[in-house]
Amino acid sequence: MIDSLVTFVISMSGGSAALGIVLFTAAVRLLLLPLNVRQARTTKIRERLAPKVAQLRKRFERNPERLLRETSALYAKEGSSPFAGFMPALAQLPFMWLMFRVATHPTALIGHDLLGAPLGQQVAGVVAHYGLASAPFLVFVALIALVIAVAWLSARQIKITEDQPAYLRKLLPIMPYGSVLAVLVLPLAAGLYLLVSTAWAVGERAVLARLPLATA
């Protein structure tokens, strides 16, 4: 099944597996666009309601059940939910799992590379087979550098609100850098998927942030 999927994607991209991954990633992002538009709307609503939610936290600090009901009711008036923002992240998991299966499949990506770096190889394997002073390793270096840059841009887009717990306000700005760690241990194909997907997400959020998505 994995081989058939890879063969189909490569054939649709003119024989280039790397281009096929880029096109596959773009298709996934387009498929998830309605959910991401909803998430952007939820984010704007959450920012607007943050002062009211903070007041509810102080008022019902010792009554978590009442706090949850009041918070949910507050969001319901806006046609949203405190948990609506998790859907796009959850929806991506099956596609990330599929890409990991493709990248780690023993035969699916044999003979396919990106500028000389095998798509099915991890950075440690590239170092072991080609050495540090090699074009394949430099491809990984460039990929990691780009992922770091995208993670930095993504972290700058995160807005901390008063209604968020203290631990979450500390955790959110560093969460985008998890993609950097992933690229260090995943095969190049999966790293390329992460780069394109996170870069798309950064651009998408920048555009959606300027649109009047939230209700008045």
C-alpha atoms as a PDB file:
ATOM      1  CA  MET A   1       0.000   0.000   0.000  1.00  0.00           C
ATOM      2  CA  ILE A   2       2.777   2.442   0.932  1.00  0.00           C
ATOM      3  CA  ASP A   3       4.709   1.617  -2.247  1.00  0.00           C
ATOM      4  CA  SER A   4       1.586   2.168  -4.344  1.00  0.00           C
ATOM      5  CA  LEU A   5       0.918   5.521  -2.686  1.00  0.00           C
ATOM      6  CA  VAL A   6       4.505   6.691  -3.205  1.00  0.00           C
ATOM      7  CA  THR A   7       4.450   5.542  -6.831  1.00  0.00           C
ATOM      8  CA  PHE A   8       1.242   7.480  -7.445  1.00  0.00           C
ATOM      9  CA  VAL A   9       2.502  10.683  -5.790  1.00  0.00           C
ATOM     10  CA  ILE A  10       5.835  10.507  -7.646  1.00  0.00           C
ATOM     11  CA  SER A  11       4.101   9.909 -10.967  1.00  0.00           C
ATOM     12  CA  MET A  12       1.910  12.960 -10.354  1.00  0.00           C
ATOM     13  CA  SER A  13       5.012  15.084  -9.741  1.00  0.00           C
ATOM     14  CA  GLY A  14       6.926  14.141 -12.855  1.00  0.00           C
ATOM     15  CA  GLY A  15       9.106  11.505 -11.202  1.00  0.00           C
ATOM     16  CA  SER A  16      10.500  13.681  -8.397  1.00  0.00           C
ATOM     17  CA  ALA A  17       9.836  12.259  -4.927  1.00  0.00           C
ATOM     18  CA  ALA A  18      10.922  15.511  -3.235  1.00  0.00           C
ATOM     19  CA  LEU A  19       8.499  17.541  -5.364  1.00  0.00           C
ATOM     20  CA  GLY A  20       5.854  14.923  -4.663  1.00  0.00           C
ATOM     21  CA  ILE A  21       6.290  15.475  -0.912  1.00  0.00           C
ATOM     22  CA  VAL A  22       5.931  19.236  -1.400  1.00  0.00           C
ATOM     23  CA  LEU A  23       2.768  18.790  -3.475  1.00  0.00           C
ATOM     24  CA  PHE A  24       1.363  16.251  -1.008  1.00  0.00           C
ATOM     25  CA  THR A  25       1.998  18.679   1.858  1.00  0.00           C
ATOM     26  CA  ALA A  26       0.326  21.522  -0.026  1.00  0.00           C
ATOM     27  CA  ALA A  27      -2.693  19.288  -0.692  1.00  0.00           C
ATOM     28  CA  VAL A  28      -2.934  18.433   3.005  1.00  0.00           C
ATOM     29  CA  ARG A  29      -2.737  22.098   4.010  1.00  0.00           C
ATOM     30  CA  LEU A  30      -5.461  23.012   1.507  1.00  0.00           C
ATOM     31  CA  LEU A  31      -7.617  20.188   2.839  1.00  0.00           C
ATOM     32  CA  LEU A  32      -7.199  21.526   6.373  1.00  0.00           C
ATOM     33  CA  LEU A  33      -7.772  25.168   5.396  1.00  0.00           C
ATOM     34  CA  PRO A  34     -11.419  25.300   6.611  1.00  0.00           C
ATOM     35  CA  LEU A  35     -10.330  24.046  10.045  1.00  0.00           C
ATOM     36  CA  ASN A  36      -7.497  26.565  10.150  1.00  0.00           C
ATOM     37  CA  VAL A  37      -9.843  29.410   9.261  1.00  0.00           C
ATOM     38  CA  ARG A  38     -12.028  28.306  12.157  1.00  0.00           C
ATOM     39  CA  GLN A  39      -8.979  28.180  14.430  1.00  0.00           C
ATOM     40  CA  ALA A  40      -7.982  31.716  13.407  1.00  0.00           C
ATOM     41  CA  ARG A  41     -11.482  32.898  14.262  1.00  0.00           C
ATOM     42  CA  THR A  42     -11.279  31.113  17.621  1.00  0.00           C
ATOM     43  CA  THR A  43      -7.922  32.752  18.336  1.00  0.00           C
ATOM     44  CA  LYS A  44      -9.361  36.222  17.745  1.00  0.00           C
ATOM     45  CA  ILE A  45     -12.347  35.421  19.931  1.00  0.00           C
ATOM     46  CA  ARG A  46     -10.059  34.119  22.687  1.00  0.00           C
ATOM     47  CA  GLU A  47      -7.990  37.310  22.593  1.00  0.00           C
ATOM     48  CA  ARG A  48     -11.113  39.450  22.836  1.00  0.00           C
ATOM     49  CA  LEU A  49     -12.573  37.395  25.678  1.00  0.00           C
ATOM     50  CA  ALA A  50      -9.308  37.079  27.618  1.00  0.00           C
ATOM     51  CA  PRO A  51     -10.111  39.863  30.152  1.00  0.00           C
ATOM     52  CA  LYS A  52     -13.557  38.359  30.869  1.00  0.00           C
ATOM     53  CA  VAL A  53     -12.103  34.862  31.231  1.00  0.00           C
ATOM     54  CA  ALA A  54      -9.474  36.229  33.631  1.00  0.00           C
ATOM     55  CA  GLN A  55     -12.273  37.699  35.742  1.00  0.00           C
ATOM     56  CA  LEU A  56     -14.060  34.349  35.757  1.00  0.00           C
ATOM     57  CA  ARG A  57     -10.856  32.627  36.897  1.00  0.00           C
ATOM     58  CA  LYS A  58     -10.578  34.952  39.864  1.00  0.00           C
ATOM     59  CA  ARG A  59     -14.263  34.656  40.689  1.00  0.00           C
ATOM     60  CA  PHE A  60     -14.482  30.855  40.484  1.00  0.00           C
ATOM     61  CA  GLU A  61     -10.898  29.992  41.402  1.00  0.00           C
ATOM     62  CA  ARG A  62     -12.074  27.417  43.941  1.00  0.00           C
ATOM     63  CA  ASN A  63     -14.850  25.991  41.794  1.00  0.00           C
ATOM     64  CA  PRO A  64     -13.338  24.450  38.631  1.00  0.00           C
ATOM     65  CA  GLU A  65     -16.627  22.957  37.452  1.00  0.00           C
ATOM     66  CA  ARG A  66     -18.417  26.310  37.651  1.00  0.00           C
ATOM     67  CA  LEU A  67     -15.458  27.988  35.947  1.00  0.00           C
ATOM     68  CA  LEU A  68     -15.643  25.518  33.060  1.00  0.00           C
ATOM     69  CA  ARG A  69     -19.397  26.037  32.660  1.00  0.00           C
ATOM     70  CA  GLU A  70     -19.140  29.820  32.749  1.00  0.00           C
ATOM     71  CA  THR A  71     -16.198  29.853  30.331  1.00  0.00           C
ATOM     72  CA  SER A  72     -17.949  27.510  27.911  1.00  0.00           C
ATOM     73  CA  ALA A  73     -21.075  29.661  28.071  1.00  0.00           C
ATOM     74  CA  LEU A  74     -19.021  32.773  27.359  1.00  0.00           C
ATOM     75  CA  TYR A  75     -17.509  31.162  24.260  1.00  0.00           C
ATOM     76  CA  ALA A  76     -20.882  29.731  23.211  1.00  0.00           C
ATOM     77  CA  LYS A  77     -22.266  33.263  22.900  1.00  0.00           C
ATOM     78  CA  GLU A  78     -19.589  33.838  20.272  1.00  0.00           C
ATOM     79  CA  GLY A  79     -20.416  30.573  18.494  1.00  0.00           C
ATOM     80  CA  SER A  80     -17.139  28.999  19.563  1.00  0.00           C
ATOM     81  CA  SER A  81     -15.577  26.775  22.226  1.00  0.00           C
ATOM     82  CA  PRO A  82     -12.449  26.977  24.440  1.00  0.00           C
ATOM     83  CA  PHE A  83     -11.257  23.722  22.833  1.00  0.00           C
ATOM     84  CA  ALA A  84     -11.950  24.561  19.178  1.00  0.00           C
ATOM     85  CA  GLY A  85      -8.332  25.509  18.509  1.00  0.00           C
ATOM     86  CA  PHE A  86      -7.092  21.940  18.989  1.00  0.00           C
ATOM     87  CA  MET A  87      -8.878  20.516  15.937  1.00  0.00           C
ATOM     88  CA  PRO A  88      -6.367  21.485  13.194  1.00  0.00           C
ATOM     89  CA  ALA A  89      -3.476  20.000  15.180  1.00  0.00           C
ATOM     90  CA  LEU A  90      -5.387  16.761  15.738  1.00  0.00           C
ATOM     91  CA  ALA A  91      -6.471  16.622  12.091  1.00  0.00           C
ATOM     92  CA  GLN A  92      -2.843  16.734  10.966  1.00  0.00           C
ATOM     93  CA  LEU A  93      -1.803  13.683  12.981  1.00  0.00           C
ATOM     94  CA  PRO A  94      -2.982  11.050  10.441  1.00  0.00           C
ATOM     95  CA  PHE A  95      -1.067  12.781   7.636  1.00  0.00           C
ATOM     96  CA  MET A  96       2.074  13.084   9.754  1.00  0.00           C
ATOM     97  CA  TRP A  97       1.794   9.398  10.632  1.00  0.00           C
ATOM     98  CA  LEU A  98       1.401   8.539   6.943  1.00  0.00           C
ATOM     99  CA  MET A  99       4.454  10.614   6.012  1.00  0.00           C
ATOM    100  CA  PHE A 100       6.475   8.925   8.764  1.00  0.00           C
ATOM    101  CA  ARG A 101       5.436   5.517   7.427  1.00  0.00           C
ATOM    102  CA  VAL A 102       6.484   6.528   3.927  1.00  0.00           C
ATOM    103  CA  ALA A 103       9.807   7.986   5.107  1.00  0.00           C
ATOM    104  CA  THR A 104      10.692   4.895   7.149  1.00  0.00           C
ATOM    105  CA  HIS A 105       9.406   2.310   4.662  1.00  0.00           C
ATOM    106  CA  PRO A 106      12.305   0.030   3.619  1.00  0.00           C
ATOM    107  CA  THR A 107      11.667   0.296  -0.129  1.00  0.00           C
ATOM    108  CA  ALA A 108       9.343   3.235  -0.827  1.00  0.00           C
ATOM    109  CA  LEU A 109      12.030   5.933  -1.190  1.00  0.00           C
ATOM    110  CA  ILE A 110      14.989   3.867  -2.363  1.00  0.00           C
ATOM    111  CA  GLY A 111      16.810   5.744  -5.125  1.00  0.00           C
ATOM    112  CA  HIS A 112      15.087   9.053  -4.401  1.00  0.00           C
ATOM    113  CA  ASP A 113      16.978  12.020  -3.039  1.00  0.00           C
ATOM    114  CA  LEU A 114      17.008  15.778  -2.573  1.00  0.00           C
ATOM    115  CA  LEU A 115      20.125  17.342  -4.086  1.00  0.00           C
ATOM    116  CA  GLY A 116      22.026  14.123  -3.430  1.00  0.00           C
ATOM    117  CA  ALA A 117      20.703  13.470   0.094  1.00  0.00           C
ATOM    118  CA  PRO A 118      18.639  10.247   0.351  1.00  0.00           C
ATOM    119  CA  LEU A 119      15.043  11.043   1.319  1.00  0.00           C
ATOM    120  CA  GLY A 120      14.781   7.927   3.469  1.00  0.00           C
ATOM    121  CA  GLN A 121      17.924   8.675   5.494  1.00  0.00           C
ATOM    122  CA  GLN A 122      18.285  10.431   8.844  1.00  0.00           C
ATOM    123  CA  VAL A 123      21.001  12.993   9.537  1.00  0.00           C
ATOM    124  CA  ALA A 124      22.968  10.471  11.626  1.00  0.00           C
ATOM    125  CA  GLY A 125      22.888   8.005   8.740  1.00  0.00           C
ATOM    126  CA  VAL A 126      24.016  10.669   6.283  1.00  0.00           C
ATOM    127  CA  VAL A 127      26.977  11.540   8.513  1.00  0.00           C
ATOM    128  CA  ALA A 128      27.882   7.856   8.834  1.00  0.00           C
ATOM    129  CA  HIS A 129      27.692   7.176   5.094  1.00  0.00           C
ATOM    130  CA  TYR A 130      28.890  10.447   3.586  1.00  0.00           C
ATOM    131  CA  GLY A 131      30.684  12.335   6.365  1.00  0.00           C
ATOM    132  CA  LEU A 132      30.372  15.907   7.560  1.00  0.00           C
ATOM    133  CA  ALA A 133      32.116  17.395   4.542  1.00  0.00           C
ATOM    134  CA  SER A 134      29.565  16.203   2.009  1.00  0.00           C
ATOM    135  CA  ALA A 135      26.741  17.607  -0.083  1.00  0.00           C
ATOM    136  CA  PRO A 136      24.086  15.328   1.508  1.00  0.00           C
ATOM    137  CA  PHE A 137      25.020  16.569   4.989  1.00  0.00           C
ATOM    138  CA  LEU A 138      24.863  20.189   3.796  1.00  0.00           C
ATOM    139  CA  VAL A 139      21.325  19.512   2.563  1.00  0.00           C
ATOM    140  CA  PHE A 140      20.382  18.512   6.106  1.00  0.00           C
ATOM    141  CA  VAL A 141      22.154  21.580   7.497  1.00  0.00           C
ATOM    142  CA  ALA A 142      20.161  23.818   5.141  1.00  0.00           C
ATOM    143  CA  LEU A 143      16.924  22.035   6.049  1.00  0.00           C
ATOM    144  CA  ILE A 144      17.574  22.418   9.778  1.00  0.00           C
ATOM    145  CA  ALA A 145      18.456  26.098   9.349  1.00  0.00           C
ATOM    146  CA  LEU A 146      15.218  26.725   7.448  1.00  0.00           C
ATOM    147  CA  VAL A 147      13.165  24.852  10.058  1.00  0.00           C
ATOM    148  CA  ILE A 148      14.770  26.951  12.821  1.00  0.00           C
ATOM    149  CA  ALA A 149      13.927  30.152  10.917  1.00  0.00           C
ATOM    150  CA  VAL A 150      10.316  29.053  10.411  1.00  0.00           C
ATOM    151  CA  ALA A 151      10.038  28.045  14.089  1.00  0.00           C
ATOM    152  CA  TRP A 152      11.283  31.495  15.098  1.00  0.00           C
ATOM    153  CA  LEU A 153       8.672  33.171  12.894  1.00  0.00           C
ATOM    154  CA  SER A 154       6.009  30.850  14.272  1.00  0.00           C
ATOM    155  CA  ALA A 155       6.993  31.670  17.866  1.00  0.00           C
ATOM    156  CA  ARG A 156       6.697  35.387  17.103  1.00  0.00           C
ATOM    157  CA  GLN A 157       3.107  34.857  15.949  1.00  0.00           C
ATOM    158  CA  ILE A 158       2.034  33.319  19.247  1.00  0.00           C
ATOM    159  CA  LYS A 159      -0.004  35.685  21.374  1.00  0.00           C
ATOM    160  CA  ILE A 160      -0.131  35.126  25.107  1.00  0.00           C
ATOM    161  CA  THR A 161      -3.454  35.952  26.755  1.00  0.00           C
ATOM    162  CA  GLU A 162      -4.391  36.534  30.382  1.00  0.00           C
ATOM    163  CA  ASP A 163      -6.743  33.554  30.508  1.00  0.00           C
ATOM    164  CA  GLN A 164      -3.932  31.057  29.856  1.00  0.00           C
ATOM    165  CA  PRO A 165      -2.293  29.223  32.778  1.00  0.00           C
ATOM    166  CA  ALA A 166       1.205  30.360  33.732  1.00  0.00           C
ATOM    167  CA  TYR A 167       2.836  27.110  32.616  1.00  0.00           C
ATOM    168  CA  LEU A 168       1.179  27.405  29.197  1.00  0.00           C
ATOM    169  CA  ARG A 169       2.376  30.988  28.758  1.00  0.00           C
ATOM    170  CA  LYS A 170       5.941  29.720  29.273  1.00  0.00           C
ATOM    171  CA  LEU A 171       5.497  26.633  27.092  1.00  0.00           C
ATOM    172  CA  LEU A 172       3.801  28.148  24.031  1.00  0.00           C
ATOM    173  CA  PRO A 173       6.771  30.256  22.791  1.00  0.00           C
ATOM    174  CA  ILE A 174       9.098  27.234  22.699  1.00  0.00           C
ATOM    175  CA  MET A 175       6.655  24.701  21.241  1.00  0.00           C
ATOM    176  CA  PRO A 176       7.392  25.608  17.580  1.00  0.00           C
ATOM    177  CA  TYR A 177      11.020  24.548  18.097  1.00  0.00           C
ATOM    178  CA  GLY A 178       9.838  20.975  18.569  1.00  0.00           C
ATOM    179  CA  SER A 179       9.948  20.700  14.773  1.00  0.00           C
ATOM    180  CA  VAL A 180      13.713  21.288  14.939  1.00  0.00           C
ATOM    181  CA  LEU A 181      14.153  18.296  17.238  1.00  0.00           C
ATOM    182  CA  ALA A 182      11.949  16.225  14.942  1.00  0.00           C
ATOM    183  CA  VAL A 183      14.099  17.022  11.893  1.00  0.00           C
ATOM    184  CA  LEU A 184      17.199  15.868  13.788  1.00  0.00           C
ATOM    185  CA  VAL A 185      15.781  12.364  14.282  1.00  0.00           C
ATOM    186  CA  LEU A 186      13.387  11.854  11.347  1.00  0.00           C
ATOM    187  CA  PRO A 187      14.293  10.899   7.764  1.00  0.00           C
ATOM    188  CA  LEU A 188      14.783  13.720   5.261  1.00  0.00           C
ATOM    189  CA  ALA A 189      11.380  13.076   3.638  1.00  0.00           C
ATOM    190  CA  ALA A 190       9.586  13.701   6.927  1.00  0.00           C
ATOM    191  CA  GLY A 191      11.766  16.740   7.603  1.00  0.00           C
ATOM    192  CA  LEU A 192      10.850  18.176   4.211  1.00  0.00           C
ATOM    193  CA  TYR A 193       7.183  17.618   5.004  1.00  0.00           C
ATOM    194  CA  LEU A 194       7.571  19.438   8.331  1.00  0.00           C
ATOM    195  CA  LEU A 195       9.393  22.354   6.712  1.00  0.00           C
ATOM    196  CA  VAL A 196       6.774  22.899   4.013  1.00  0.00           C
ATOM    197  CA  SER A 197       3.870  22.379   6.422  1.00  0.00           C
ATOM    198  CA  THR A 198       5.161  24.741   9.117  1.00  0.00           C
ATOM    199  CA  ALA A 199       6.192  27.384   6.571  1.00  0.00           C
ATOM    200  CA  TRP A 200       2.715  27.201   5.034  1.00  0.00           C
ATOM    201  CA  ALA A 201       1.180  27.508   8.504  1.00  0.00           C
ATOM    202  CA  VAL A 202       3.204  30.646   9.267  1.00  0.00           C
ATOM    203  CA  GLY A 203       2.144  32.298   6.023  1.00  0.00           C
ATOM    204  CA  GLU A 204      -1.444  31.173   6.452  1.00  0.00           C
ATOM    205  CA  ARG A 205      -1.676  32.615   9.975  1.00  0.00           C
ATOM    206  CA  ALA A 206      -0.210  35.908   8.777  1.00  0.00           C
ATOM    207  CA  VAL A 207      -2.924  36.180   6.111  1.00  0.00           C
ATOM    208  CA  LEU A 208      -5.793  35.021   8.321  1.00  0.00           C
ATOM    209  CA  ALA A 209      -4.768  37.418  11.087  1.00  0.00           C
ATOM    210  CA  ARG A 210      -5.600  40.311   8.764  1.00  0.00           C
ATOM    211  CA  LEU A 211      -9.035  39.024   7.821  1.00  0.00           C
ATOM    212  CA  PRO A 212     -12.208  39.979   9.766  1.00  0.00           C
ATOM    213  CA  LEU A 213     -12.942  36.433  10.907  1.00  0.00           C
ATOM    214  CA  ALA A 214     -14.251  37.113  14.391  1.00  0.00           C
ATOM    215  CA  THR A 215     -17.813  38.098  15.082  1.00  0.00           C
ATOM    216  CA  ALA A 216     -18.552  41.544  16.423  1.00  0.00           C
END
